[in-house]
């Protein structure tokens, strides 16, 4: 079971009104991520997620969750005391 004590998202202004929903969707997406038993990490920071302006909040949440899952499976950084996920819009 994956436990996250704190989730901090830095979202572009376009997504600020959806921040609570995006955080919930990230948690839902991560609910199905397999984790190694007994692992505890102090912090996990994912690189910025590139999003085309107008991308839906649910899609952004999936991207963030996928980035977290990638780092967990690679064993590079950790959880559960802090998670920092960042999202930024691109100008494309």
PDB file of N, CA and C in Angstrom:
ATOM      1  N   UNK A   1       0.845  -1.179   0.000  1.00  0.00           N
ATOM      2  CA  UNK A   1       0.000   0.000   0.000  1.00  0.00           C
ATOM      3  C   UNK A   1       0.887   1.239   0.000  1.00  0.00           C
ATOM      4  N   UNK A   2       0.560   2.154  -0.839  1.00  0.00           N
ATOM      5  CA  UNK A   2       1.289   3.411  -0.940  1.00  0.00           C
ATOM      6  C   UNK A   2       0.623   4.439  -0.030  1.00  0.00           C
ATOM      7  N   UNK A   3       1.411   5.058   0.820  1.00  0.00           N
ATOM      8  CA  UNK A   3       0.896   6.083   1.727  1.00  0.00           C
ATOM      9  C   UNK A   3       1.653   7.372   1.467  1.00  0.00           C
ATOM     10  N   UNK A   4       0.914   8.429   1.232  1.00  0.00           N
ATOM     11  CA  UNK A   4       1.504   9.750   1.007  1.00  0.00           C
ATOM     12  C   UNK A   4       1.004  10.658   2.120  1.00  0.00           C
ATOM     13  N   UNK A   5       1.924  11.173   2.905  1.00  0.00           N
ATOM     14  CA  UNK A   5       1.542  12.062   3.995  1.00  0.00           C
ATOM     15  C   UNK A   5       1.279  13.484   3.515  1.00  0.00           C
ATOM     16  N   UNK A   6       1.987  13.890   2.479  1.00  0.00           N
ATOM     17  CA  UNK A   6       1.827  15.263   1.995  1.00  0.00           C
ATOM     18  C   UNK A   6       2.051  15.286   0.493  1.00  0.00           C
ATOM     19  N   UNK A   7       1.174  15.962  -0.205  1.00  0.00           N
ATOM     20  CA  UNK A   7       1.284  16.117  -1.652  1.00  0.00           C
ATOM     21  C   UNK A   7       1.282  17.604  -1.959  1.00  0.00           C
ATOM     22  N   UNK A   8       2.347  18.075  -2.560  1.00  0.00           N
ATOM     23  CA  UNK A   8       2.447  19.490  -2.909  1.00  0.00           C
ATOM     24  C   UNK A   8       2.536  19.596  -4.423  1.00  0.00           C
ATOM     25  N   UNK A   9       1.560  20.259  -5.015  1.00  0.00           N
ATOM     26  CA  UNK A   9       1.542  20.469  -6.459  1.00  0.00           C
ATOM     27  C   UNK A   9       1.766  21.940  -6.751  1.00  0.00           C
ATOM     28  N   UNK A  10       2.585  22.206  -7.732  1.00  0.00           N
ATOM     29  CA  UNK A  10       2.756  23.579  -8.230  1.00  0.00           C
ATOM     30  C   UNK A  10       2.190  23.581  -9.635  1.00  0.00           C
ATOM     31  N   UNK A  11       1.039  24.187  -9.772  1.00  0.00           N
ATOM     32  CA  UNK A  11       0.311  24.162 -11.034  1.00  0.00           C
ATOM     33  C   UNK A  11       0.263  25.541 -11.670  1.00  0.00           C
ATOM     34  N   UNK A  12       0.213  25.601 -13.004  1.00  0.00           N
ATOM     35  CA  UNK A  12       0.030  26.886 -13.679  1.00  0.00           C
ATOM     36  C   UNK A  12      -1.328  27.485 -13.295  1.00  0.00           C
ATOM     37  N   UNK A  13      -1.451  28.781 -13.459  1.00  0.00           N
ATOM     38  CA  UNK A  13      -2.683  29.481 -13.096  1.00  0.00           C
ATOM     39  C   UNK A  13      -3.917  28.840 -13.718  1.00  0.00           C
ATOM     40  N   UNK A  14      -3.779  28.330 -14.920  1.00  0.00           N
ATOM     41  CA  UNK A  14      -4.899  27.706 -15.630  1.00  0.00           C
ATOM     42  C   UNK A  14      -5.525  26.551 -14.834  1.00  0.00           C
ATOM     43  N   UNK A  15      -4.746  25.914 -13.972  1.00  0.00           N
ATOM     44  CA  UNK A  15      -5.218  24.737 -13.239  1.00  0.00           C
ATOM     45  C   UNK A  15      -5.458  24.993 -11.753  1.00  0.00           C
ATOM     46  N   UNK A  16      -5.249  26.211 -11.283  1.00  0.00           N
ATOM     47  CA  UNK A  16      -5.369  26.495  -9.857  1.00  0.00           C
ATOM     48  C   UNK A  16      -6.745  26.158  -9.299  1.00  0.00           C
ATOM     49  N   UNK A  17      -7.793  26.428 -10.069  1.00  0.00           N
ATOM     50  CA  UNK A  17      -9.137  26.144  -9.567  1.00  0.00           C
ATOM     51  C   UNK A  17      -9.445  24.648  -9.540  1.00  0.00           C
ATOM     52  N   UNK A  18      -8.612  23.837 -10.165  1.00  0.00           N
ATOM     53  CA  UNK A  18      -8.791  22.386 -10.171  1.00  0.00           C
ATOM     54  C   UNK A  18      -7.790  21.676  -9.260  1.00  0.00           C
ATOM     55  N   UNK A  19      -6.986  22.424  -8.526  1.00  0.00           N
ATOM     56  CA  UNK A  19      -5.893  21.831  -7.746  1.00  0.00           C
ATOM     57  C   UNK A  19      -6.375  20.713  -6.823  1.00  0.00           C
ATOM     58  N   UNK A  20      -7.482  20.933  -6.120  1.00  0.00           N
ATOM     59  CA  UNK A  20      -7.992  19.915  -5.201  1.00  0.00           C
ATOM     60  C   UNK A  20      -8.386  18.645  -5.961  1.00  0.00           C
ATOM     61  N   UNK A  21      -9.066  18.829  -7.078  1.00  0.00           N
ATOM     62  CA  UNK A  21      -9.461  17.671  -7.892  1.00  0.00           C
ATOM     63  C   UNK A  21      -8.247  16.949  -8.466  1.00  0.00           C
ATOM     64  N   UNK A  22      -7.284  17.703  -8.960  1.00  0.00           N
ATOM     65  CA  UNK A  22      -6.082  17.093  -9.535  1.00  0.00           C
ATOM     66  C   UNK A  22      -5.356  16.278  -8.468  1.00  0.00           C
ATOM     67  N   UNK A  23      -5.236  16.815  -7.261  1.00  0.00           N
ATOM     68  CA  UNK A  23      -4.591  16.071  -6.170  1.00  0.00           C
ATOM     69  C   UNK A  23      -5.350  14.778  -5.885  1.00  0.00           C
ATOM     70  N   UNK A  24      -6.669  14.843  -5.865  1.00  0.00           N
ATOM     71  CA  UNK A  24      -7.481  13.643  -5.638  1.00  0.00           C
ATOM     72  C   UNK A  24      -7.269  12.631  -6.758  1.00  0.00           C
ATOM     73  N   UNK A  25      -7.247  13.110  -8.000  1.00  0.00           N
ATOM     74  CA  UNK A  25      -7.055  12.210  -9.141  1.00  0.00           C
ATOM     75  C   UNK A  25      -5.667  11.569  -9.118  1.00  0.00           C
ATOM     76  N   UNK A  26      -4.660  12.342  -8.710  1.00  0.00           N
ATOM     77  CA  UNK A  26      -3.313  11.770  -8.577  1.00  0.00           C
ATOM     78  C   UNK A  26      -3.358  10.629  -7.559  1.00  0.00           C
ATOM     79  N   UNK A  27      -4.002  10.863  -6.425  1.00  0.00           N
ATOM     80  CA  UNK A  27      -4.106   9.827  -5.393  1.00  0.00           C
ATOM     81  C   UNK A  27      -4.835   8.595  -5.925  1.00  0.00           C
ATOM     82  N   UNK A  28      -5.910   8.796  -6.681  1.00  0.00           N
ATOM     83  CA  UNK A  28      -6.643   7.670  -7.268  1.00  0.00           C
ATOM     84  C   UNK A  28      -5.754   6.877  -8.217  1.00  0.00           C
ATOM     85  N   UNK A  29      -5.023   7.580  -9.057  1.00  0.00           N
ATOM     86  CA  UNK A  29      -4.130   6.916 -10.014  1.00  0.00           C
ATOM     87  C   UNK A  29      -3.045   6.126  -9.285  1.00  0.00           C
ATOM     88  N   UNK A  30      -2.513   6.696  -8.215  1.00  0.00           N
ATOM     89  CA  UNK A  30      -1.446   6.029  -7.472  1.00  0.00           C
ATOM     90  C   UNK A  30      -1.965   4.858  -6.646  1.00  0.00           C
ATOM     91  N   UNK A  31      -3.277   4.808  -6.423  1.00  0.00           N
ATOM     92  CA  UNK A  31      -3.866   3.711  -5.663  1.00  0.00           C
ATOM     93  C   UNK A  31      -3.601   2.348  -6.271  1.00  0.00           C
ATOM     94  N   UNK A  32      -3.395   2.292  -7.567  1.00  0.00           N
ATOM     95  CA  UNK A  32      -3.146   1.028  -8.231  1.00  0.00           C
ATOM     96  C   UNK A  32      -1.683   0.731  -8.491  1.00  0.00           C
ATOM     97  N   UNK A  33      -0.800   1.578  -7.985  1.00  0.00           N
ATOM     98  CA  UNK A  33       0.636   1.394  -8.228  1.00  0.00           C
ATOM     99  C   UNK A  33       1.200   0.382  -7.236  1.00  0.00           C
ATOM    100  N   UNK A  34       1.818  -0.701  -7.729  1.00  0.00           N
ATOM    101  CA  UNK A  34       2.432  -1.663  -6.804  1.00  0.00           C
ATOM    102  C   UNK A  34       3.699  -1.067  -6.180  1.00  0.00           C
ATOM    103  N   UNK A  35       3.868  -1.293  -4.888  1.00  0.00           N
ATOM    104  CA  UNK A  35       5.056  -0.797  -4.192  1.00  0.00           C
ATOM    105  C   UNK A  35       5.701  -1.934  -3.413  1.00  0.00           C
ATOM    106  N   UNK A  36       6.996  -1.838  -3.228  1.00  0.00           N
ATOM    107  CA  UNK A  36       7.719  -2.848  -2.460  1.00  0.00           C
ATOM    108  C   UNK A  36       7.336  -2.749  -0.990  1.00  0.00           C
ATOM    109  N   UNK A  37       7.156  -3.879  -0.351  1.00  0.00           N
ATOM    110  CA  UNK A  37       6.799  -3.907   1.064  1.00  0.00           C
ATOM    111  C   UNK A  37       7.932  -3.337   1.906  1.00  0.00           C
ATOM    112  N   UNK A  38       7.554  -2.588   2.924  1.00  0.00           N
ATOM    113  CA  UNK A  38       8.531  -2.093   3.874  1.00  0.00           C
ATOM    114  C   UNK A  38       9.342  -0.896   3.427  1.00  0.00           C
ATOM    115  N   UNK A  39       9.087  -0.373   2.266  1.00  0.00           N
ATOM    116  CA  UNK A  39       9.846   0.778   1.799  1.00  0.00           C
ATOM    117  C   UNK A  39       9.288   2.076   2.334  1.00  0.00           C
ATOM    118  N   UNK A  40      10.154   2.914   2.851  1.00  0.00           N
ATOM    119  CA  UNK A  40       9.760   4.242   3.308  1.00  0.00           C
ATOM    120  C   UNK A  40      10.739   5.236   2.719  1.00  0.00           C
ATOM    121  N   UNK A  41      10.217   6.302   2.181  1.00  0.00           N
ATOM    122  CA  UNK A  41      11.054   7.348   1.592  1.00  0.00           C
ATOM    123  C   UNK A  41      10.697   8.678   2.224  1.00  0.00           C
ATOM    124  N   UNK A  42      11.696   9.489   2.429  1.00  0.00           N
ATOM    125  CA  UNK A  42      11.480  10.811   3.010  1.00  0.00           C
ATOM    126  C   UNK A  42      10.826  11.774   2.029  1.00  0.00           C
ATOM    127  N   UNK A  43      11.222  11.687   0.765  1.00  0.00           N
ATOM    128  CA  UNK A  43      10.758  12.677  -0.208  1.00  0.00           C
ATOM    129  C   UNK A  43      10.911  12.131  -1.615  1.00  0.00           C
ATOM    130  N   UNK A  44      10.015  12.537  -2.464  1.00  0.00           N
ATOM    131  CA  UNK A  44      10.113  12.215  -3.875  1.00  0.00           C
ATOM    132  C   UNK A  44       9.776  13.477  -4.650  1.00  0.00           C
ATOM    133  N   UNK A  45      10.633  13.875  -5.533  1.00  0.00           N
ATOM    134  CA  UNK A  45      10.387  15.058  -6.361  1.00  0.00           C
ATOM    135  C   UNK A  45      10.429  14.616  -7.813  1.00  0.00           C
ATOM    136  N   UNK A  46       9.348  14.862  -8.512  1.00  0.00           N
ATOM    137  CA  UNK A  46       9.304  14.494  -9.927  1.00  0.00           C
ATOM    138  C   UNK A  46       9.658  15.712 -10.766  1.00  0.00           C
ATOM    139  N   UNK A  47      10.223  15.485 -11.943  1.00  0.00           N
ATOM    140  CA  UNK A  47      10.535  16.617 -12.815  1.00  0.00           C
ATOM    141  C   UNK A  47       9.244  17.281 -13.286  1.00  0.00           C
ATOM    142  N   UNK A  48       9.341  18.508 -13.772  1.00  0.00           N
ATOM    143  CA  UNK A  48       8.141  19.184 -14.275  1.00  0.00           C
ATOM    144  C   UNK A  48       7.448  18.355 -15.353  1.00  0.00           C
ATOM    145  N   UNK A  49       6.142  18.410 -15.324  1.00  0.00           N
ATOM    146  CA  UNK A  49       5.310  17.734 -16.320  1.00  0.00           C
ATOM    147  C   UNK A  49       4.944  18.774 -17.369  1.00  0.00           C
ATOM    148  N   UNK A  50       5.224  18.488 -18.613  1.00  0.00           N
ATOM    149  CA  UNK A  50       4.867  19.418 -19.684  1.00  0.00           C
ATOM    150  C   UNK A  50       3.436  19.165 -20.126  1.00  0.00           C
ATOM    151  N   UNK A  51       2.649  20.213 -20.122  1.00  0.00           N
ATOM    152  CA  UNK A  51       1.248  20.101 -20.514  1.00  0.00           C
ATOM    153  C   UNK A  51       0.919  21.194 -21.515  1.00  0.00           C
ATOM    154  N   UNK A  52       0.291  20.803 -22.581  1.00  0.00           N
ATOM    155  CA  UNK A  52      -0.169  21.768 -23.572  1.00  0.00           C
ATOM    156  C   UNK A  52      -1.330  22.543 -22.948  1.00  0.00           C
ATOM    157  N   UNK A  53      -1.339  23.879 -23.053  1.00  0.00           N
ATOM    158  CA  UNK A  53      -2.456  24.645 -22.503  1.00  0.00           C
ATOM    159  C   UNK A  53      -3.786  24.068 -22.984  1.00  0.00           C
ATOM    160  N   UNK A  54      -4.712  23.954 -22.055  1.00  0.00           N
ATOM    161  CA  UNK A  54      -6.015  23.387 -22.372  1.00  0.00           C
ATOM    162  C   UNK A  54      -6.128  21.906 -22.062  1.00  0.00           C
ATOM    163  N   UNK A  55      -5.004  21.279 -21.689  1.00  0.00           N
ATOM    164  CA  UNK A  55      -5.035  19.872 -21.304  1.00  0.00           C
ATOM    165  C   UNK A  55      -5.906  19.725 -20.064  1.00  0.00           C
ATOM    166  N   UNK A  56      -6.732  18.701 -20.028  1.00  0.00           N
ATOM    167  CA  UNK A  56      -7.630  18.486 -18.901  1.00  0.00           C
ATOM    168  C   UNK A  56      -6.900  18.137 -17.614  1.00  0.00           C
ATOM    169  N   UNK A  57      -7.498  18.505 -16.501  1.00  0.00           N
ATOM    170  CA  UNK A  57      -6.918  18.234 -15.190  1.00  0.00           C
ATOM    171  C   UNK A  57      -6.718  16.753 -14.925  1.00  0.00           C
ATOM    172  N   UNK A  58      -7.634  15.922 -15.393  1.00  0.00           N
ATOM    173  CA  UNK A  58      -7.512  14.467 -15.198  1.00  0.00           C
ATOM    174  C   UNK A  58      -6.263  13.945 -15.919  1.00  0.00           C
ATOM    175  N   UNK A  59      -6.006  14.467 -17.110  1.00  0.00           N
ATOM    176  CA  UNK A  59      -4.820  14.055 -17.867  1.00  0.00           C
ATOM    177  C   UNK A  59      -3.543  14.492 -17.145  1.00  0.00           C
ATOM    178  N   UNK A  60      -3.556  15.700 -16.610  1.00  0.00           N
ATOM    179  CA  UNK A  60      -2.411  16.196 -15.840  1.00  0.00           C
ATOM    180  C   UNK A  60      -2.160  15.265 -14.647  1.00  0.00           C
ATOM    181  N   UNK A  61      -3.232  14.872 -13.960  1.00  0.00           N
ATOM    182  CA  UNK A  61      -3.100  13.971 -12.812  1.00  0.00           C
ATOM    183  C   UNK A  61      -2.479  12.641 -13.225  1.00  0.00           C
ATOM    184  N   UNK A  62      -2.893  12.111 -14.366  1.00  0.00           N
ATOM    185  CA  UNK A  62      -2.317  10.847 -14.851  1.00  0.00           C
ATOM    186  C   UNK A  62      -0.823  11.002 -15.135  1.00  0.00           C
ATOM    187  N   UNK A  63      -0.453  12.138 -15.721  1.00  0.00           N
ATOM    188  CA  UNK A  63       0.962  12.383 -16.015  1.00  0.00           C
ATOM    189  C   UNK A  63       1.785  12.459 -14.729  1.00  0.00           C
ATOM    190  N   UNK A  64       1.269  13.154 -13.733  1.00  0.00           N
ATOM    191  CA  UNK A  64       1.971  13.277 -12.456  1.00  0.00           C
ATOM    192  C   UNK A  64       2.104  11.901 -11.803  1.00  0.00           C
ATOM    193  N   UNK A  65       1.003  11.153 -11.768  1.00  0.00           N
ATOM    194  CA  UNK A  65       1.031   9.816 -11.160  1.00  0.00           C
ATOM    195  C   UNK A  65       2.007   8.899 -11.893  1.00  0.00           C
ATOM    196  N   UNK A  66       2.047   8.982 -13.209  1.00  0.00           N
ATOM    197  CA  UNK A  66       2.976   8.150 -13.987  1.00  0.00           C
ATOM    198  C   UNK A  66       4.422   8.511 -13.659  1.00  0.00           C
ATOM    199  N   UNK A  67       4.699   9.799 -13.497  1.00  0.00           N
ATOM    200  CA  UNK A  67       6.057  10.230 -13.155  1.00  0.00           C
ATOM    201  C   UNK A  67       6.453   9.728 -11.767  1.00  0.00           C
ATOM    202  N   UNK A  68       5.514   9.764 -10.833  1.00  0.00           N
ATOM    203  CA  UNK A  68       5.775   9.249  -9.489  1.00  0.00           C
ATOM    204  C   UNK A  68       6.033   7.744  -9.557  1.00  0.00           C
ATOM    205  N   UNK A  69       5.178   7.028 -10.272  1.00  0.00           N
ATOM    206  CA  UNK A  69       5.327   5.574 -10.399  1.00  0.00           C
ATOM    207  C   UNK A  69       6.662   5.213 -11.039  1.00  0.00           C
ATOM    208  N   UNK A  70       7.067   5.968 -12.045  1.00  0.00           N
ATOM    209  CA  UNK A  70       8.359   5.717 -12.696  1.00  0.00           C
ATOM    210  C   UNK A  70       9.507   5.834 -11.700  1.00  0.00           C
ATOM    211  N   UNK A  71       9.464   6.878 -10.886  1.00  0.00           N
ATOM    212  CA  UNK A  71      10.547   7.071  -9.917  1.00  0.00           C
ATOM    213  C   UNK A  71      10.511   6.010  -8.823  1.00  0.00           C
ATOM    214  N   UNK A  72       9.321   5.611  -8.401  1.00  0.00           N
ATOM    215  CA  UNK A  72       9.223   4.558  -7.393  1.00  0.00           C
ATOM    216  C   UNK A  72       9.768   3.241  -7.925  1.00  0.00           C
ATOM    217  N   UNK A  73       9.420   2.919  -9.160  1.00  0.00           N
ATOM    218  CA  UNK A  73       9.880   1.646  -9.720  1.00  0.00           C
ATOM    219  C   UNK A  73      11.383   1.663  -9.991  1.00  0.00           C
ATOM    220  N   UNK A  74      11.926   2.836 -10.266  1.00  0.00           N
ATOM    221  CA  UNK A  74      13.364   2.956 -10.493  1.00  0.00           C
ATOM    222  C   UNK A  74      14.127   2.993  -9.170  1.00  0.00           C
ATOM    223  N   UNK A  75      13.409   3.247  -8.076  1.00  0.00           N
ATOM    224  CA  UNK A  75      14.045   3.279  -6.763  1.00  0.00           C
ATOM    225  C   UNK A  75      14.980   4.452  -6.563  1.00  0.00           C
ATOM    226  N   UNK A  76      14.744   5.552  -7.293  1.00  0.00           N
ATOM    227  CA  UNK A  76      15.663   6.690  -7.211  1.00  0.00           C
ATOM    228  C   UNK A  76      15.421   7.553  -5.984  1.00  0.00           C
ATOM    229  N   UNK A  77      14.161   7.825  -5.672  1.00  0.00           N
ATOM    230  CA  UNK A  77      13.853   8.719  -4.565  1.00  0.00           C
ATOM    231  C   UNK A  77      12.666   8.156  -3.815  1.00  0.00           C
ATOM    232  N   UNK A  78      12.121   8.921  -2.833  1.00  0.00           N
ATOM    233  CA  UNK A  78      11.125   8.259  -2.050  1.00  0.00           C
ATOM    234  C   UNK A  78       9.970   8.991  -1.450  1.00  0.00           C
ATOM    235  N   UNK A  79       9.223   8.284  -0.697  1.00  0.00           N
ATOM    236  CA  UNK A  79       7.985   8.610  -0.036  1.00  0.00           C
ATOM    237  C   UNK A  79       8.081   8.139   1.406  1.00  0.00           C
ATOM    238  N   UNK A  80       7.171   8.209   2.275  1.00  0.00           N
ATOM    239  CA  UNK A  80       5.918   8.914   2.290  1.00  0.00           C
ATOM    240  C   UNK A  80       5.912  10.245   3.019  1.00  0.00           C
ATOM    241  N   UNK A  81       7.004  10.729   3.543  1.00  0.00           N
ATOM    242  CA  UNK A  81       6.929  11.970   4.304  1.00  0.00           C
ATOM    243  C   UNK A  81       6.726  13.202   3.448  1.00  0.00           C
ATOM    244  N   UNK A  82       7.036  13.161   2.201  1.00  0.00           N
ATOM    245  CA  UNK A  82       6.816  14.317   1.358  1.00  0.00           C
ATOM    246  C   UNK A  82       6.861  13.940  -0.098  1.00  0.00           C
ATOM    247  N   UNK A  83       5.996  14.532  -0.865  1.00  0.00           N
ATOM    248  CA  UNK A  83       5.971  14.327  -2.304  1.00  0.00           C
ATOM    249  C   UNK A  83       5.809  15.690  -2.936  1.00  0.00           C
ATOM    250  N   UNK A  84       6.667  15.993  -3.872  1.00  0.00           N
ATOM    251  CA  UNK A  84       6.557  17.261  -4.565  1.00  0.00           C
ATOM    252  C   UNK A  84       6.392  16.951  -6.037  1.00  0.00           C
ATOM    253  N   UNK A  85       5.281  17.307  -6.586  1.00  0.00           N
ATOM    254  CA  UNK A  85       5.036  17.086  -8.006  1.00  0.00           C
ATOM    255  C   UNK A  85       4.825  18.447  -8.647  1.00  0.00           C
ATOM    256  N   UNK A  86       5.441  18.652  -9.767  1.00  0.00           N
ATOM    257  CA  UNK A  86       5.331  19.945 -10.443  1.00  0.00           C
ATOM    258  C   UNK A  86       4.741  19.757 -11.821  1.00  0.00           C
ATOM    259  N   UNK A  87       3.987  20.737 -12.234  1.00  0.00           N
ATOM    260  CA  UNK A  87       3.415  20.723 -13.565  1.00  0.00           C
ATOM    261  C   UNK A  87       3.638  22.094 -14.172  1.00  0.00           C
ATOM    262  N   UNK A  88       4.007  22.122 -15.448  1.00  0.00           N
ATOM    263  CA  UNK A  88       4.142  23.417 -16.107  1.00  0.00           C
ATOM    264  C   UNK A  88       3.560  23.308 -17.508  1.00  0.00           C
ATOM    265  N   UNK A  89       2.969  24.377 -17.958  1.00  0.00           N
ATOM    266  CA  UNK A  89       2.402  24.394 -19.303  1.00  0.00           C
ATOM    267  C   UNK A  89       3.496  24.750 -20.300  1.00  0.00           C
ATOM    268  N   UNK A  90       3.393  24.200 -21.492  1.00  0.00           N
ATOM    269  CA  UNK A  90       4.334  24.550 -22.554  1.00  0.00           C
ATOM    270  C   UNK A  90       3.678  25.569 -23.470  1.00  0.00           C
ATOM    271  N   UNK A  91       4.485  26.219 -24.264  1.00  0.00           N
ATOM    272  CA  UNK A  91       3.961  27.226 -25.181  1.00  0.00           C
ATOM    273  C   UNK A  91       3.687  26.657 -26.562  1.00  0.00           C
ATOM    274  N   UNK A  92       3.665  25.335 -26.708  1.00  0.00           N
ATOM    275  CA  UNK A  92       3.442  24.767 -28.037  1.00  0.00           C
ATOM    276  C   UNK A  92       1.996  24.814 -28.444  1.00  0.00           C
TER     277      UNK A  92
END
